[in-house]
Amino acid sequence: MGKKSNPRRVADNEAFAVLKQHRGSPQKLNLLAQLIRGKSVGHALAELTFSTKRPAKDVKKLLESAIANAENNHGLDIDRLYIKEATVGKGLVMKRFRARARGRGARILKPFSQMRIVVKEYEEVVEADAKEGNA
């Protein structure tokens, strides 16, 4: 008597990858998420490759992981993938302090964040069949 398998969290033509415990603020990571949201994976990889932002390397690695999941685990076509959603969440915050003048201390916050990318395969729409009413 085995354990029941978990239901899929996304549709059959989707795949996702999650980046956890990224050492950086969610606000900065969200700038990259906005940059790639809704684009095809080829365009998004090109944007991330030439981006000057520090977390771009980690986001590119995450996107490549989502693409690999789509191809290997779900049998989706890489050339027809686009980024359906790219969400950023807040993680833990390490609190440190820096010694200041006259015996005081200043607080330093070192935030962590997480990111989730969902890629989806384009659905084929045949316009000729739709015009004829066969669809």
C-alpha atoms as a PDB file:
ATOM      1  CA  MET A   1       0.000   0.000   0.000  1.00  0.00           C
ATOM      2  CA  GLY A   2       1.836   3.021  -1.294  1.00  0.00           C
ATOM      3  CA  LYS A   3       1.440   6.697  -0.788  1.00  0.00           C
ATOM      4  CA  LYS A   4      -0.788   8.535  -3.279  1.00  0.00           C
ATOM      5  CA  SER A   5       1.093  10.725  -5.737  1.00  0.00           C
ATOM      6  CA  ASN A   6       0.649  14.476  -5.560  1.00  0.00           C
ATOM      7  CA  PRO A   7      -1.518  16.019  -8.284  1.00  0.00           C
ATOM      8  CA  ARG A   8       0.227  18.205 -10.859  1.00  0.00           C
ATOM      9  CA  ARG A   9       0.449  21.840  -9.801  1.00  0.00           C
ATOM     10  CA  VAL A  10       0.363  23.101 -13.387  1.00  0.00           C
ATOM     11  CA  ALA A  11      -1.443  22.081 -16.591  1.00  0.00           C
ATOM     12  CA  ASP A  12      -0.266  19.301 -18.898  1.00  0.00           C
ATOM     13  CA  ASN A  13       1.353  21.737 -21.349  1.00  0.00           C
ATOM     14  CA  GLU A  14       3.268  23.610 -18.604  1.00  0.00           C
ATOM     15  CA  ALA A  15       6.402  23.096 -16.525  1.00  0.00           C
ATOM     16  CA  PHE A  16       8.023  25.106 -13.760  1.00  0.00           C
ATOM     17  CA  ALA A  17      11.186  25.585 -11.725  1.00  0.00           C
ATOM     18  CA  VAL A  18      11.742  27.271  -8.357  1.00  0.00           C
ATOM     19  CA  LEU A  19      14.749  29.214  -7.090  1.00  0.00           C
ATOM     20  CA  LYS A  20      14.861  29.110  -3.289  1.00  0.00           C
ATOM     21  CA  GLN A  21      16.987  31.017  -0.808  1.00  0.00           C
ATOM     22  CA  HIS A  22      18.468  33.492  -3.289  1.00  0.00           C
ATOM     23  CA  ARG A  23      20.658  35.958  -1.419  1.00  0.00           C
ATOM     24  CA  GLY A  24      19.272  39.244  -2.695  1.00  0.00           C
ATOM     25  CA  SER A  25      16.261  41.459  -2.277  1.00  0.00           C
ATOM     26  CA  PRO A  26      12.949  40.502  -3.887  1.00  0.00           C
ATOM     27  CA  GLN A  27      12.637  44.026  -5.249  1.00  0.00           C
ATOM     28  CA  LYS A  28      15.789  43.641  -7.360  1.00  0.00           C
ATOM     29  CA  LEU A  29      14.833  40.131  -8.468  1.00  0.00           C
ATOM     30  CA  ASN A  30      11.381  41.363  -9.509  1.00  0.00           C
ATOM     31  CA  LEU A  31      12.968  43.766 -12.006  1.00  0.00           C
ATOM     32  CA  LEU A  32      14.290  40.758 -13.918  1.00  0.00           C
ATOM     33  CA  ALA A  33      10.975  38.922 -13.587  1.00  0.00           C
ATOM     34  CA  GLN A  34       9.203  41.875 -15.214  1.00  0.00           C
ATOM     35  CA  LEU A  35      11.807  41.896 -17.975  1.00  0.00           C
ATOM     36  CA  ILE A  36      11.133  38.303 -19.092  1.00  0.00           C
ATOM     37  CA  ARG A  37       7.436  37.832 -18.251  1.00  0.00           C
ATOM     38  CA  GLY A  38       5.347  36.872 -21.304  1.00  0.00           C
ATOM     39  CA  LYS A  39       8.295  36.486 -23.696  1.00  0.00           C
ATOM     40  CA  SER A  40       9.356  33.408 -25.608  1.00  0.00           C
ATOM     41  CA  VAL A  41      12.151  31.489 -23.909  1.00  0.00           C
ATOM     42  CA  GLY A  42      14.651  32.318 -26.666  1.00  0.00           C
ATOM     43  CA  HIS A  43      14.106  36.066 -26.247  1.00  0.00           C
ATOM     44  CA  ALA A  44      14.170  35.781 -22.457  1.00  0.00           C
ATOM     45  CA  LEU A  45      17.473  33.877 -22.485  1.00  0.00           C
ATOM     46  CA  ALA A  46      18.988  36.546 -24.745  1.00  0.00           C
ATOM     47  CA  GLU A  47      17.741  39.326 -22.430  1.00  0.00           C
ATOM     48  CA  LEU A  48      19.201  37.617 -19.365  1.00  0.00           C
ATOM     49  CA  THR A  49      22.512  36.804 -21.066  1.00  0.00           C
ATOM     50  CA  PHE A  50      23.218  40.457 -21.818  1.00  0.00           C
ATOM     51  CA  SER A  51      21.650  41.977 -18.707  1.00  0.00           C
ATOM     52  CA  THR A  52      23.978  43.940 -16.424  1.00  0.00           C
ATOM     53  CA  LYS A  53      22.047  43.105 -13.253  1.00  0.00           C
ATOM     54  CA  ARG A  54      23.787  40.812 -10.756  1.00  0.00           C
ATOM     55  CA  PRO A  55      20.963  38.258 -10.253  1.00  0.00           C
ATOM     56  CA  ALA A  56      20.545  37.808 -14.032  1.00  0.00           C
ATOM     57  CA  LYS A  57      22.941  34.847 -13.997  1.00  0.00           C
ATOM     58  CA  ASP A  58      20.854  33.022 -11.372  1.00  0.00           C
ATOM     59  CA  VAL A  59      17.562  33.809 -13.132  1.00  0.00           C
ATOM     60  CA  LYS A  60      19.007  32.529 -16.428  1.00  0.00           C
ATOM     61  CA  LYS A  61      20.038  29.296 -14.697  1.00  0.00           C
ATOM     62  CA  LEU A  62      16.499  28.971 -13.288  1.00  0.00           C
ATOM     63  CA  LEU A  63      14.946  29.523 -16.720  1.00  0.00           C
ATOM     64  CA  GLU A  64      17.228  26.892 -18.255  1.00  0.00           C
ATOM     65  CA  SER A  65      16.101  24.506 -15.496  1.00  0.00           C
ATOM     66  CA  ALA A  66      12.433  25.175 -16.304  1.00  0.00           C
ATOM     67  CA  ILE A  67      13.135  24.541 -20.002  1.00  0.00           C
ATOM     68  CA  ALA A  68      14.918  21.273 -19.181  1.00  0.00           C
ATOM     69  CA  ASN A  69      11.988  20.208 -16.972  1.00  0.00           C
ATOM     70  CA  ALA A  70       9.566  20.934 -19.815  1.00  0.00           C
ATOM     71  CA  GLU A  71      11.585  18.908 -22.305  1.00  0.00           C
ATOM     72  CA  ASN A  72      12.698  15.940 -20.204  1.00  0.00           C
ATOM     73  CA  ASN A  73       9.864  15.481 -17.695  1.00  0.00           C
ATOM     74  CA  HIS A  74       6.844  16.558 -19.739  1.00  0.00           C
ATOM     75  CA  GLY A  75       7.913  16.080 -23.369  1.00  0.00           C
ATOM     76  CA  LEU A  76       7.173  19.653 -24.480  1.00  0.00           C
ATOM     77  CA  ASP A  77       8.687  21.289 -27.575  1.00  0.00           C
ATOM     78  CA  ILE A  78      11.369  23.827 -26.590  1.00  0.00           C
ATOM     79  CA  ASP A  79      10.830  26.020 -29.656  1.00  0.00           C
ATOM     80  CA  ARG A  80       7.190  26.615 -28.731  1.00  0.00           C
ATOM     81  CA  LEU A  81       7.690  27.597 -25.062  1.00  0.00           C
ATOM     82  CA  TYR A  82       7.017  30.999 -23.557  1.00  0.00           C
ATOM     83  CA  ILE A  83       7.128  32.318 -20.004  1.00  0.00           C
ATOM     84  CA  LYS A  84       3.598  32.212 -18.640  1.00  0.00           C
ATOM     85  CA  GLU A  85       4.439  33.554 -15.199  1.00  0.00           C
ATOM     86  CA  ALA A  86       7.484  34.683 -13.267  1.00  0.00           C
ATOM     87  CA  THR A  87       6.754  35.399  -9.611  1.00  0.00           C
ATOM     88  CA  VAL A  88       9.030  36.585  -6.832  1.00  0.00           C
ATOM     89  CA  GLY A  89       8.491  36.021  -3.123  1.00  0.00           C
ATOM     90  CA  LYS A  90      10.079  37.131   0.092  1.00  0.00           C
ATOM     91  CA  GLY A  91      12.265  34.792   2.124  1.00  0.00           C
ATOM     92  CA  LEU A  92      13.940  35.139   5.465  1.00  0.00           C
ATOM     93  CA  VAL A  93      15.868  38.262   6.459  1.00  0.00           C
ATOM     94  CA  MET A  94      19.180  38.027   8.325  1.00  0.00           C
ATOM     95  CA  LYS A  95      19.518  40.897  10.763  1.00  0.00           C
ATOM     96  CA  ARG A  96      23.004  42.181  11.519  1.00  0.00           C
ATOM     97  CA  PHE A  97      24.302  45.346  13.090  1.00  0.00           C
ATOM     98  CA  ARG A  98      27.188  47.680  12.438  1.00  0.00           C
ATOM     99  CA  ALA A  99      28.909  49.563  15.218  1.00  0.00           C
ATOM    100  CA  ARG A 100      28.493  53.341  14.922  1.00  0.00           C
ATOM    101  CA  ALA A 101      29.816  56.337  16.762  1.00  0.00           C
ATOM    102  CA  ARG A 102      29.140  57.016  20.456  1.00  0.00           C
ATOM    103  CA  GLY A 103      28.287  53.403  21.284  1.00  0.00           C
ATOM    104  CA  ARG A 104      25.344  53.144  18.967  1.00  0.00           C
ATOM    105  CA  GLY A 105      24.499  50.454  16.443  1.00  0.00           C
ATOM    106  CA  ALA A 106      22.941  50.573  12.993  1.00  0.00           C
ATOM    107  CA  ARG A 107      20.800  47.761  11.682  1.00  0.00           C
ATOM    108  CA  ILE A 108      21.760  45.929   8.494  1.00  0.00           C
ATOM    109  CA  LEU A 109      19.136  43.762   6.773  1.00  0.00           C
ATOM    110  CA  LYS A 110      20.288  40.960   4.483  1.00  0.00           C
ATOM    111  CA  PRO A 111      17.184  39.696   2.671  1.00  0.00           C
ATOM    112  CA  PHE A 112      16.654  36.395   0.886  1.00  0.00           C
ATOM    113  CA  SER A 113      14.106  35.814  -1.863  1.00  0.00           C
ATOM    114  CA  GLN A 114      12.635  33.068  -4.007  1.00  0.00           C
ATOM    115  CA  MET A 115      11.452  32.958  -7.602  1.00  0.00           C
ATOM    116  CA  ARG A 116       9.168  30.664  -9.605  1.00  0.00           C
ATOM    117  CA  ILE A 117       9.081  30.487 -13.399  1.00  0.00           C
ATOM    118  CA  VAL A 118       6.297  28.676 -15.272  1.00  0.00           C
ATOM    119  CA  VAL A 119       6.811  27.984 -18.968  1.00  0.00           C
ATOM    120  CA  LYS A 120       3.939  27.014 -21.252  1.00  0.00           C
ATOM    121  CA  GLU A 121       3.767  25.606 -24.754  1.00  0.00           C
ATOM    122  CA  TYR A 122       2.029  27.723 -27.393  1.00  0.00           C
ATOM    123  CA  GLU A 123      -1.266  26.209 -28.447  1.00  0.00           C
ATOM    124  CA  GLU A 124      -1.643  25.746 -32.168  1.00  0.00           C
ATOM    125  CA  VAL A 125      -4.464  27.683 -33.728  1.00  0.00           C
ATOM    126  CA  VAL A 126      -5.200  26.808 -37.321  1.00  0.00           C
ATOM    127  CA  GLU A 127      -6.901  29.853 -38.808  1.00  0.00           C
ATOM    128  CA  ALA A 128      -8.092  28.086 -41.977  1.00  0.00           C
ATOM    129  CA  ASP A 129     -10.115  25.556 -39.961  1.00  0.00           C
ATOM    130  CA  ALA A 130     -11.498  28.276 -37.708  1.00  0.00           C
ATOM    131  CA  LYS A 131     -12.792  30.258 -40.713  1.00  0.00           C
ATOM    132  CA  GLU A 132     -14.490  27.223 -42.209  1.00  0.00           C
ATOM    133  CA  GLY A 133     -16.128  26.304 -38.916  1.00  0.00           C
ATOM    134  CA  ASN A 134     -14.351  22.947 -38.567  1.00  0.00           C
ATOM    135  CA  ALA A 135     -12.605  23.819 -35.323  1.00  0.00           C
END
